C-alpha atoms as a PDB file:
ATOM      1  CA  MET A   1     -12.846  25.559 -15.275  1.00  0.00           C
ATOM      2  CA  ALA A   2     -13.782  23.873 -18.565  1.00  0.00           C
ATOM      3  CA  ALA A   3     -10.118  23.861 -19.557  1.00  0.00           C
ATOM      4  CA  LEU A   4      -9.253  21.950 -16.376  1.00  0.00           C
ATOM      5  CA  GLY A   5     -11.943  19.366 -17.252  1.00  0.00           C
ATOM      6  CA  GLU A   6     -10.578  18.974 -20.773  1.00  0.00           C
ATOM      7  CA  GLU A   7      -7.044  18.685 -19.429  1.00  0.00           C
ATOM      8  CA  GLY A   8      -8.157  15.989 -16.977  1.00  0.00           C
ATOM      9  CA  ARG A   9      -9.905  14.117 -19.776  1.00  0.00           C
ATOM     10  CA  ASP A  10      -6.791  14.340 -21.948  1.00  0.00           C
ATOM     11  CA  VAL A  11      -4.654  12.890 -19.138  1.00  0.00           C
ATOM     12  CA  ALA A  12      -7.151  10.058 -18.545  1.00  0.00           C
ATOM     13  CA  GLU A  13      -7.270   9.309 -22.282  1.00  0.00           C
ATOM     14  CA  ARG A  14      -3.452   9.140 -22.456  1.00  0.00           C
ATOM     15  CA  GLU A  15      -3.332   6.836 -19.413  1.00  0.00           C
ATOM     16  CA  ALA A  16      -5.937   4.518 -20.960  1.00  0.00           C
ATOM     17  CA  ALA A  17      -4.136   4.546 -24.333  1.00  0.00           C
ATOM     18  CA  ALA A  18      -0.900   3.539 -22.590  1.00  0.00           C
ATOM     19  CA  TYR A  19      -2.646   0.226 -21.812  1.00  0.00           C
ATOM     20  CA  GLY A  20      -4.253  -0.131 -25.236  1.00  0.00           C
ATOM     21  CA  LEU A  21      -7.687   1.032 -24.067  1.00  0.00           C
ATOM     22  CA  ASP A  22      -9.759   4.078 -24.787  1.00  0.00           C
ATOM     23  CA  LEU A  23     -11.279   6.200 -22.047  1.00  0.00           C
ATOM     24  CA  ASP A  24     -14.840   5.371 -23.103  1.00  0.00           C
ATOM     25  CA  THR A  25     -14.127   1.687 -22.417  1.00  0.00           C
ATOM     26  CA  VAL A  26     -12.803   2.506 -18.953  1.00  0.00           C
ATOM     27  CA  LEU A  27     -15.862   4.655 -18.216  1.00  0.00           C
ATOM     28  CA  ALA A  28     -18.282   2.016 -19.535  1.00  0.00           C
ATOM     29  CA  VAL A  29     -16.690  -0.740 -17.442  1.00  0.00           C
ATOM     30  CA  ALA A  30     -16.383   1.424 -14.315  1.00  0.00           C
ATOM     31  CA  SER A  31     -19.960   2.705 -14.491  1.00  0.00           C
ATOM     32  CA  PRO A  32     -22.144   3.785 -11.559  1.00  0.00           C
ATOM     33  CA  GLN A  33     -24.594   0.919 -12.240  1.00  0.00           C
ATOM     34  CA  ARG A  34     -21.812  -1.683 -12.215  1.00  0.00           C
ATOM     35  CA  ALA A  35     -20.502  -0.208  -8.946  1.00  0.00           C
ATOM     36  CA  VAL A  36     -23.980  -0.504  -7.400  1.00  0.00           C
ATOM     37  CA  ASP A  37     -24.352  -4.096  -8.596  1.00  0.00           C
ATOM     38  CA  VAL A  38     -20.933  -5.159  -7.295  1.00  0.00           C
ATOM     39  CA  ILE A  39     -21.226  -3.460  -3.894  1.00  0.00           C
ATOM     40  CA  ALA A  40     -24.793  -4.721  -3.418  1.00  0.00           C
ATOM     41  CA  GLY A  41     -23.581  -8.239  -4.201  1.00  0.00           C
ATOM     42  CA  LEU A  42     -20.687  -7.988  -1.758  1.00  0.00           C
ATOM     43  CA  ILE A  43     -22.692  -6.520   1.121  1.00  0.00           C
ATOM     44  CA  GLY A  44     -25.896  -8.488   0.592  1.00  0.00           C
ATOM     45  CA  PRO A  45     -29.374  -7.569   1.826  1.00  0.00           C
ATOM     46  CA  THR A  46     -28.528  -7.700   5.538  1.00  0.00           C
ATOM     47  CA  VAL A  47     -25.637  -6.720   7.771  1.00  0.00           C
ATOM     48  CA  SER A  48     -24.657  -8.062  11.154  1.00  0.00           C
ATOM     49  CA  PHE A  49     -21.683  -7.574  13.410  1.00  0.00           C
ATOM     50  CA  GLY A  50     -20.713  -7.945  17.014  1.00  0.00           C
ATOM     51  CA  PRO A  51     -20.435  -8.294  19.773  1.00  0.00           C
ATOM     52  CA  VAL A  52     -17.556  -5.839  19.572  1.00  0.00           C
ATOM     53  CA  PRO A  53     -15.908  -3.874  22.384  1.00  0.00           C
ATOM     54  CA  ALA A  54     -17.298  -0.346  22.621  1.00  0.00           C
ATOM     55  CA  GLY A  55     -17.144   2.779  24.706  1.00  0.00           C
ATOM     56  CA  PRO A  56     -14.422   4.289  26.835  1.00  0.00           C
ATOM     57  CA  HIS A  57     -11.926   1.620  27.887  1.00  0.00           C
ATOM     58  CA  ASP A  58     -14.109  -0.969  26.095  1.00  0.00           C
ATOM     59  CA  MET A  59     -16.486  -0.963  29.065  1.00  0.00           C
ATOM     60  CA  ALA A  60     -19.394  -2.125  26.880  1.00  0.00           C
ATOM     61  CA  THR A  61     -20.102  -4.429  23.973  1.00  0.00           C
ATOM     62  CA  ALA A  62     -22.242  -3.683  20.955  1.00  0.00           C
ATOM     63  CA  SER A  63     -24.036  -5.843  18.428  1.00  0.00           C
ATOM     64  CA  ALA A  64     -25.899  -4.719  15.334  1.00  0.00           C
ATOM     65  CA  HIS A  65     -28.263  -6.313  12.854  1.00  0.00           C
ATOM     66  CA  GLY A  66     -29.985  -4.579   9.999  1.00  0.00           C
ATOM     67  CA  SER A  67     -31.092  -4.346   6.434  1.00  0.00           C
ATOM     68  CA  VAL A  68     -29.520  -2.672   3.436  1.00  0.00           C
ATOM     69  CA  GLY A  69     -31.719  -0.346   1.386  1.00  0.00           C
ATOM     70  CA  ARG A  70     -31.569   0.572  -2.296  1.00  0.00           C
ATOM     71  CA  LEU A  71     -28.060   1.600  -3.333  1.00  0.00           C
ATOM     72  CA  THR A  72     -27.526   4.608  -5.578  1.00  0.00           C
ATOM     73  CA  ALA A  73     -24.445   5.902  -7.369  1.00  0.00           C
ATOM     74  CA  TRP A  74     -23.264   8.803  -9.487  1.00  0.00           C
ATOM     75  CA  ARG A  75     -20.118  10.039 -11.150  1.00  0.00           C
ATOM     76  CA  ASP A  76     -18.049  12.442  -9.091  1.00  0.00           C
ATOM     77  CA  GLY A  77     -15.600  13.717 -11.660  1.00  0.00           C
ATOM     78  CA  LEU A  78     -14.458  11.900 -14.744  1.00  0.00           C
ATOM     79  CA  THR A  79     -13.447   8.454 -13.458  1.00  0.00           C
ATOM     80  CA  ARG A  80     -14.690   8.482  -9.851  1.00  0.00           C
ATOM     81  CA  VAL A  81     -18.018   6.979  -8.777  1.00  0.00           C
ATOM     82  CA  VAL A  82     -19.632   7.403  -5.358  1.00  0.00           C
ATOM     83  CA  VAL A  83     -21.966   4.657  -4.132  1.00  0.00           C
ATOM     84  CA  CYS A  84     -24.405   5.423  -1.311  1.00  0.00           C
ATOM     85  CA  VAL A  85     -25.383   2.468   0.843  1.00  0.00           C
ATOM     86  CA  PRO A  86     -28.399   3.105   3.102  1.00  0.00           C
ATOM     87  CA  VAL A  87     -28.651   0.809   6.128  1.00  0.00           C
ATOM     88  CA  GLU A  88     -31.198   0.518   8.938  1.00  0.00           C
ATOM     89  CA  LEU A  89     -29.574  -0.984  12.031  1.00  0.00           C
ATOM     90  CA  ASP A  90     -30.862  -2.203  15.348  1.00  0.00           C
ATOM     91  CA  VAL A  91     -27.985  -1.844  17.789  1.00  0.00           C
ATOM     92  CA  THR A  92     -27.805  -3.283  21.284  1.00  0.00           C
ATOM     93  CA  VAL A  93     -25.181  -1.991  23.680  1.00  0.00           C
ATOM     94  CA  VAL A  94     -24.540  -4.016  26.811  1.00  0.00           C
ATOM     95  CA  VAL A  95     -23.059  -2.210  29.805  1.00  0.00           C
ATOM     96  CA  GLY A  96     -22.777  -4.569  32.763  1.00  0.00           C
ATOM     97  CA  SER A  97     -26.124  -6.343  32.877  1.00  0.00           C
ATOM     98  CA  ARG A  98     -28.004  -3.492  31.170  1.00  0.00           C
ATOM     99  CA  HIS A  99     -29.060  -3.766  27.524  1.00  0.00           C
ATOM    100  CA  ILE A 100     -29.539  -0.418  25.780  1.00  0.00           C
ATOM    101  CA  PRO A 101     -31.201  -0.506  22.343  1.00  0.00           C
ATOM    102  CA  ALA A 102     -30.647   2.040  19.592  1.00  0.00           C
ATOM    103  CA  GLU A 103     -32.126   2.474  16.158  1.00  0.00           C
ATOM    104  CA  VAL A 104     -29.723   3.793  13.556  1.00  0.00           C
ATOM    105  CA  ASP A 105     -30.281   4.976   9.998  1.00  0.00           C
ATOM    106  CA  LEU A 106     -27.009   5.138   8.094  1.00  0.00           C
ATOM    107  CA  VAL A 107     -25.826   6.261   4.708  1.00  0.00           C
ATOM    108  CA  VAL A 108     -22.338   5.028   3.873  1.00  0.00           C
ATOM    109  CA  ARG A 109     -20.584   6.645   0.900  1.00  0.00           C
ATOM    110  CA  VAL A 110     -17.986   4.501  -0.879  1.00  0.00           C
ATOM    111  CA  GLY A 111     -15.723   6.172  -3.449  1.00  0.00           C
ATOM    112  CA  LEU A 112     -14.420   4.138  -6.385  1.00  0.00           C
ATOM    113  CA  THR A 113     -12.054   5.223  -9.152  1.00  0.00           C
ATOM    114  CA  GLY A 114     -11.638   3.315 -12.400  1.00  0.00           C
ATOM    115  CA  ARG A 115      -8.330   3.235 -14.222  1.00  0.00           C
ATOM    116  CA  ALA A 116      -6.829   1.367 -17.126  1.00  0.00           C
ATOM    117  CA  ALA A 117      -4.408  -1.469 -16.459  1.00  0.00           C
ATOM    118  CA  ALA A 118      -2.813  -4.183 -18.597  1.00  0.00           C
ATOM    119  CA  GLY A 119      -5.759  -6.031 -20.176  1.00  0.00           C
ATOM    120  CA  ALA A 120      -8.212  -4.757 -17.597  1.00  0.00           C
ATOM    121  CA  VAL A 121      -9.913  -1.895 -15.858  1.00  0.00           C
ATOM    122  CA  GLU A 122      -8.977  -1.744 -12.186  1.00  0.00           C
ATOM    123  CA  ILE A 123     -11.101  -0.102  -9.528  1.00  0.00           C
ATOM    124  CA  ASP A 124      -9.434   1.645  -6.614  1.00  0.00           C
ATOM    125  CA  VAL A 125     -11.623   1.793  -3.504  1.00  0.00           C
ATOM    126  CA  ASP A 126     -11.284   4.809  -1.213  1.00  0.00           C
ATOM    127  CA  PRO A 127     -10.860   4.008   2.488  1.00  0.00           C
ATOM    128  CA  VAL A 128     -14.175   4.455   4.318  1.00  0.00           C
ATOM    129  CA  ARG A 129     -13.687   7.212   6.895  1.00  0.00           C
ATOM    130  CA  PRO A 130     -16.072   8.289   9.658  1.00  0.00           C
ATOM    131  CA  GLU A 131     -16.953  11.424   7.673  1.00  0.00           C
ATOM    132  CA  ASP A 132     -18.158   9.154   4.834  1.00  0.00           C
ATOM    133  CA  ILE A 133     -20.901   7.853   7.124  1.00  0.00           C
ATOM    134  CA  ASP A 134     -24.043   9.777   8.024  1.00  0.00           C
ATOM    135  CA  ALA A 135     -25.751   8.355  11.101  1.00  0.00           C
ATOM    136  CA  ASP A 136     -29.098   9.200  12.660  1.00  0.00           C
ATOM    137  CA  VAL A 137     -28.985   7.496  16.071  1.00  0.00           C
ATOM    138  CA  ARG A 138     -32.083   7.200  18.235  1.00  0.00           C
ATOM    139  CA  THR A 139     -32.063   5.890  21.802  1.00  0.00           C
ATOM    140  CA  ARG A 140     -34.625   5.923  24.588  1.00  0.00           C
ATOM    141  CA  GLY A 141     -34.487   6.459  28.309  1.00  0.00           C
ATOM    142  CA  VAL A 142     -31.801   7.643  30.679  1.00  0.00           C
ATOM    143  CA  GLY A 143     -29.420   4.841  29.668  1.00  0.00           C
ATOM    144  CA  GLY A 144     -29.705   5.858  26.031  1.00  0.00           C
ATOM    145  CA  VAL A 145     -29.040   9.523  26.797  1.00  0.00           C
ATOM    146  CA  PHE A 146     -26.054   8.559  28.958  1.00  0.00           C
ATOM    147  CA  LEU A 147     -24.683   6.311  26.237  1.00  0.00           C
ATOM    148  CA  ARG A 148     -25.044   8.958  23.540  1.00  0.00           C
ATOM    149  CA  ARG A 149     -23.378  11.716  25.547  1.00  0.00           C
ATOM    150  CA  LEU A 150     -20.701   9.999  27.606  1.00  0.00           C
ATOM    151  CA  GLY A 151     -20.087   6.946  25.449  1.00  0.00           C
ATOM    152  CA  ASP A 152     -20.066   8.921  22.170  1.00  0.00           C
ATOM    153  CA  LEU A 153     -22.316   6.300  20.596  1.00  0.00           C
ATOM    154  CA  ASP A 154     -22.490   8.125  17.255  1.00  0.00           C
ATOM    155  CA  ALA A 155     -18.694   8.023  16.840  1.00  0.00           C
ATOM    156  CA  GLU A 156     -18.558   4.385  17.965  1.00  0.00           C
ATOM    157  CA  ILE A 157     -21.168   3.415  15.383  1.00  0.00           C
ATOM    158  CA  ARG A 158     -19.342   5.269  12.595  1.00  0.00           C
ATOM    159  CA  HIS A 159     -16.092   3.577  13.594  1.00  0.00           C
ATOM    160  CA  HIS A 160     -17.504   0.043  13.680  1.00  0.00           C
ATOM    161  CA  VAL A 161     -19.502   0.496  10.474  1.00  0.00           C
ATOM    162  CA  GLY A 162     -16.375   1.825   8.743  1.00  0.00           C
ATOM    163  CA  VAL A 163     -14.407  -1.225   9.918  1.00  0.00           C
ATOM    164  CA  TYR A 164     -17.198  -3.549   8.766  1.00  0.00           C
ATOM    165  CA  VAL A 165     -17.447  -1.997   5.289  1.00  0.00           C
ATOM    166  CA  SER A 166     -13.661  -1.857   4.900  1.00  0.00           C
ATOM    167  CA  THR A 167     -13.420  -5.533   5.878  1.00  0.00           C
ATOM    168  CA  VAL A 168     -16.069  -6.512   3.317  1.00  0.00           C
ATOM    169  CA  LEU A 169     -14.309  -4.472   0.608  1.00  0.00           C
ATOM    170  CA  ALA A 170     -10.959  -6.148   1.403  1.00  0.00           C
ATOM    171  CA  THR A 171     -12.200  -9.738   0.996  1.00  0.00           C
ATOM    172  CA  PRO A 172     -10.729 -11.816  -1.833  1.00  0.00           C
ATOM    173  CA  GLU A 173     -14.124 -11.658  -3.596  1.00  0.00           C
ATOM    174  CA  ALA A 174     -14.126  -7.850  -3.456  1.00  0.00           C
ATOM    175  CA  VAL A 175     -10.526  -7.597  -4.634  1.00  0.00           C
ATOM    176  CA  ALA A 176     -11.336  -9.906  -7.562  1.00  0.00           C
ATOM    177  CA  GLU A 177     -14.337  -7.708  -8.487  1.00  0.00           C
ATOM    178  CA  CYS A 178     -11.996  -4.693  -8.653  1.00  0.00           C
ATOM    179  CA  ARG A 179     -10.158  -6.083 -11.675  1.00  0.00           C
ATOM    180  CA  ILE A 180     -12.347  -6.383 -14.759  1.00  0.00           C
ATOM    181  CA  ALA A 181     -10.720  -8.010 -17.779  1.00  0.00           C
ATOM    182  CA  VAL A 182     -11.345  -6.323 -21.120  1.00  0.00           C
ATOM    183  CA  ALA A 183     -10.547  -7.652 -24.560  1.00  0.00           C
END
């Protein structure tokens, strides 16, 4: 196992050297703390989306508003960083004239990989998939139970949160943050 780690490091060092950089520079620029700072800056302290179509055959609409908690990050391998974004959401689903509230605690994991490029370190962002999102959904009453079971509210929330995060990470500001010039 150690040999595989050394081999991976050797490959990463050769790739960095091909662009005139050393691996330590790539790792310093693409650090967990920098990833936290950049993602926190892009997302901001609050999130809001909707109304968006939801449920089977888009029979409902959903809106969400919430606050972003303290982001954390760690290295997952040599050049990959995972950022965890905790979010508390208040979701309202409207079916006909009925408003069904839900409280949702989320943790969204965003994977980032740093690599050397000409005159820069570039960060590749993994697509956010539903399995990258942990959701604790709480509803009340018969309408809430119905929505959770028949409307698959948990899956809908993961889907819409994934779309929201992916949209934020595809903005021109986010793309610009993914290329860090180095001297």
